[in-house]
C-alpha cells in the first residue's frame, strides 16, 4: 500500500535491533483517513473468504482491526493484556513475547466474545517473529474456531515470522500492507 509506505518513510524511525517506531501513525497517534484506507485495503485482500469476526491484540491492533471490521461488516474482539475486574467466567489465555517491551505479555479473551465454530480473521500491527500472531491463533483454536486469515499492517520479513507461522502448520492466507525486507544501516527497505 503506497500511501502507508510513504508515511513510514516520512515519519518512521529505525531504532535498530529490528524496532520500527511508527508511533505517529499507528502506535500512539492515528490518521483516521489513512486507517480507513488500510481497513478497506485489508478487507479487499480477504474478499471471498468467510469471516465471522476479527481478533486482534490491544492496543496497536485495534485501529486497523476496527477499520477492517467496518469494511467487512463484522465485529472485532481484542485480546487484553491485563484482566479487568469486569472479565469473569471462562477466559482464553496465551502469552507472547513483546519485542518493544522486552518481556512476555498475556493475551486474554473472554469466552463470551470468542464463540465456537467461527471463521476468525486475525489483524495486527506487525508480523515480526510471528509469536504474537501464533498466540492469537491458539486463542481461536482454543475456542474451537478456525483462523480464516492473518492480516498485518507491517511485515518485517527478516525476522522470519511468516516462516515461523508456516512451520507451525498455519497455511491460511497472510497479507501485509507494507513489507519491509531490511532495516540495516538505519534504512527502511520495502519489498518490491
Protein backbone atom coordinates (compact mmCIF):
# COMPACT_ATOMS: atom_id res chain seq x y z
CA UNK A 1 0.00 0.00 0.00
CA UNK A 2 1.84 3.01 -1.30
CA UNK A 3 0.30 5.66 1.00
CA UNK A 4 1.34 3.62 4.04
CA UNK A 5 4.88 3.12 2.74
CA UNK A 6 5.26 6.84 2.12
CA UNK A 7 4.11 7.66 5.67
CA UNK A 8 6.51 5.09 7.12
CA UNK A 9 9.40 6.59 5.16
CA UNK A 10 8.42 10.14 6.13
CA UNK A 11 7.59 9.57 9.80
CA UNK A 12 9.01 6.18 10.83
CA UNK A 13 12.28 5.75 12.65
CA UNK A 14 14.55 2.74 12.57
CA UNK A 15 15.66 2.39 16.20
CA UNK A 16 17.95 -0.56 15.48
CA UNK A 17 17.56 -4.13 16.61
CA UNK A 18 14.62 -4.58 14.24
CA UNK A 19 12.46 -2.00 16.02
CA UNK A 20 10.50 0.35 13.79
CA UNK A 21 8.99 3.34 15.56
CA UNK A 22 5.79 4.36 13.79
CA UNK A 23 4.07 5.92 16.80
CA UNK A 24 3.00 8.91 14.72
CA UNK A 25 0.71 6.81 12.52
CA UNK A 26 -0.17 3.62 14.36
CA UNK A 27 1.07 3.14 17.90
CA UNK A 28 0.25 6.48 19.55
CA UNK A 29 -1.24 8.87 17.01
CA UNK A 30 -3.61 7.77 14.25
CA UNK A 31 -4.55 9.37 10.94
CA UNK A 32 -8.20 8.33 10.50
CA UNK A 33 -8.10 8.77 6.71
CA UNK A 34 -5.05 6.51 6.38
CA UNK A 35 -6.50 3.99 8.85
CA UNK A 36 -9.75 3.87 6.85
CA UNK A 37 -7.76 3.23 3.65
CA UNK A 38 -5.83 0.46 5.40
CA UNK A 39 -9.06 -1.19 6.60
CA UNK A 40 -10.56 -1.04 3.12
CA UNK A 41 -7.39 -2.46 1.57
CA UNK A 42 -7.24 -5.25 4.16
CA UNK A 43 -10.90 -6.11 3.53
CA UNK A 44 -10.24 -6.21 -0.23
CA UNK A 45 -7.32 -8.61 0.28
CA UNK A 46 -9.57 -11.01 2.18
CA UNK A 47 -12.56 -10.66 -0.15
CA UNK A 48 -14.13 -14.03 -0.84
CA UNK A 49 -13.02 -15.54 2.48
CA UNK A 50 -15.74 -16.17 5.05
CA UNK A 51 -15.12 -14.03 8.14
CA UNK A 52 -17.44 -14.04 11.18
CA UNK A 53 -15.30 -11.83 13.41
CA UNK A 54 -11.86 -10.27 13.75
CA UNK A 55 -9.40 -10.89 16.59
CA UNK A 56 -6.54 -8.55 17.44
CA UNK A 57 -4.30 -7.60 20.36
CA UNK A 58 -4.52 -4.36 22.28
CA UNK A 59 -3.59 -1.65 21.69
CA UNK A 60 -1.96 -1.10 18.32
CA UNK A 61 -4.02 -3.73 16.55
CA UNK A 62 -7.37 -2.19 17.49
CA UNK A 63 -7.49 0.66 14.94
CA UNK A 64 -6.60 -1.41 11.84
CA UNK A 65 -8.88 -4.22 13.06
CA UNK A 66 -11.73 -1.77 13.59
CA UNK A 67 -11.44 -0.30 10.11
CA UNK A 68 -11.23 -3.78 8.59
CA UNK A 69 -14.26 -4.85 10.61
CA UNK A 70 -16.12 -1.78 9.39
CA UNK A 71 -15.30 -2.64 5.78
CA UNK A 72 -16.27 -6.30 6.24
CA UNK A 73 -19.29 -5.64 8.45
CA UNK A 74 -18.13 -7.95 11.27
CA UNK A 75 -17.40 -7.43 14.98
CA UNK A 76 -13.88 -7.20 16.33
CA UNK A 77 -12.59 -8.68 19.56
CA UNK A 78 -9.33 -7.62 21.11
CA UNK A 79 -7.16 -9.62 23.43
CA UNK A 80 -6.49 -7.68 26.60
CA UNK A 81 -3.11 -7.66 28.29
CA UNK A 82 -4.41 -7.11 31.83
CA UNK A 83 -7.55 -8.79 33.15
CA UNK A 84 -10.09 -6.19 34.29
CA UNK A 85 -12.46 -6.91 37.18
CA UNK A 86 -15.32 -6.97 34.66
CA UNK A 87 -13.84 -10.02 32.91
CA UNK A 88 -15.14 -13.13 34.62
CA UNK A 89 -16.15 -16.60 33.59
CA UNK A 90 -14.13 -18.67 31.13
CA UNK A 91 -11.16 -16.84 29.61
CA UNK A 92 -8.74 -17.84 26.87
CA UNK A 93 -5.17 -17.00 27.90
CA UNK A 94 -1.97 -17.15 25.87
CA UNK A 95 1.39 -15.45 26.34
CA UNK A 96 3.65 -13.92 23.72
CA UNK A 97 6.93 -12.04 23.82
CA UNK A 98 6.72 -8.29 23.26
CA UNK A 99 9.50 -7.01 21.02
CA UNK A 100 9.21 -3.43 22.28
CA UNK A 101 8.58 -4.23 25.96
CA UNK A 102 11.29 -6.88 26.19
CA UNK A 103 9.09 -9.23 28.22
CA UNK A 104 6.24 -11.69 27.79
CA UNK A 105 2.70 -10.30 27.77
CA UNK A 106 -0.58 -12.04 28.49
CA UNK A 107 -3.31 -12.07 25.87
CA UNK A 108 -6.76 -12.66 27.40
CA UNK A 109 -10.09 -13.01 25.62
CA UNK A 110 -13.38 -13.63 27.39
CA UNK A 111 -15.00 -16.79 26.06
CA UNK A 112 -18.31 -14.96 25.67
CA UNK A 113 -16.79 -12.96 22.79
CA UNK A 114 -14.99 -15.88 21.13
CA UNK A 115 -17.70 -18.46 20.36
CA UNK A 116 -17.00 -21.80 18.74
CA UNK A 117 -17.41 -22.65 15.06
CA UNK A 118 -16.42 -19.20 13.78
CA UNK A 119 -14.15 -18.13 10.93
CA UNK A 120 -11.85 -15.60 12.57
CA UNK A 121 -9.60 -13.14 10.76
CA UNK A 122 -6.58 -12.07 12.81
CA UNK A 123 -5.47 -8.48 12.24
CA UNK A 124 -2.46 -6.94 14.00
CA UNK A 125 0.05 -4.14 13.63
CA UNK A 126 3.24 -6.14 12.95
CA UNK A 127 4.35 -9.55 11.76
CA UNK A 128 7.88 -9.87 13.10
CA UNK A 129 8.70 -13.18 14.82
CA UNK A 130 5.13 -14.46 14.46
CA UNK A 131 4.79 -15.37 18.13
CA UNK A 132 2.01 -12.89 18.92
CA UNK A 133 0.07 -14.00 15.87
CA UNK A 134 0.52 -17.63 16.87
CA UNK A 135 -0.76 -16.83 20.37
CA UNK A 136 -3.84 -15.19 18.84
CA UNK A 137 -4.30 -18.21 16.55
CA UNK A 138 -4.12 -20.50 19.59
CA UNK A 139 -6.92 -18.48 21.22
CA UNK A 140 -9.05 -19.03 18.11
CA UNK A 141 -8.24 -22.74 18.18
CA UNK A 142 -8.96 -22.92 21.92
CA UNK A 143 -12.42 -21.58 21.14
CA UNK A 144 -12.82 -24.42 18.63
CA UNK A 145 -12.96 -21.97 15.74
CA UNK A 146 -10.88 -21.53 12.59
CA UNK A 147 -8.28 -18.94 11.61
CA UNK A 148 -9.57 -17.65 8.27
CA UNK A 149 -6.54 -15.48 7.58
CA UNK A 150 -3.93 -13.16 9.04
CA UNK A 151 -3.50 -9.53 8.06
CA UNK A 152 -0.89 -7.11 9.34
CA UNK A 153 -0.06 -3.50 8.72
CA UNK A 154 3.71 -4.11 8.52
CA UNK A 155 5.65 -7.32 7.99
CA UNK A 156 9.39 -7.45 8.71
CA UNK A 157 10.43 -10.46 6.64
CA UNK A 158 13.95 -10.53 8.08
CA UNK A 159 12.53 -11.62 11.46
CA UNK A 160 11.05 -14.81 9.97
CA UNK A 161 7.51 -14.60 11.34
CA UNK A 162 5.76 -15.88 8.22
CA UNK A 163 8.11 -18.88 8.06
CA UNK A 164 7.56 -19.48 11.78
CA UNK A 165 3.79 -19.50 11.31
CA UNK A 166 4.07 -21.86 8.33
CA UNK A 167 6.37 -24.17 10.35
CA UNK A 168 3.60 -24.42 12.97
CA UNK A 169 1.14 -25.59 10.32
CA UNK A 170 -0.67 -22.33 9.57
CA UNK A 171 -1.45 -22.31 5.85
CA UNK A 172 -4.22 -19.70 5.78
CA UNK A 173 -3.80 -16.55 3.65
CA UNK A 174 -1.45 -13.95 5.17
CA UNK A 175 -1.29 -10.39 3.89
CA UNK A 176 0.79 -7.35 4.85
CA UNK A 177 0.02 -3.81 3.73
CA UNK A 178 3.73 -2.93 3.81
CA UNK A 179 6.56 -5.45 3.71
CA UNK A 180 10.00 -4.47 4.97
CA UNK A 181 12.89 -6.67 3.86
CA UNK A 182 15.73 -4.89 5.63
CA UNK A 183 16.41 -2.32 8.32
CA UNK A 184 20.21 -2.45 8.09
CA UNK A 185 22.35 0.68 8.45
CA UNK A 186 19.41 2.75 9.72
CA UNK A 187 17.49 2.36 6.46
CA UNK A 188 13.99 1.02 5.84
CA UNK A 189 13.83 -1.12 2.69
CA UNK A 190 10.48 -2.29 1.32
CA UNK A 191 9.82 -5.36 -0.83
CA UNK A 192 9.23 -4.53 -4.49
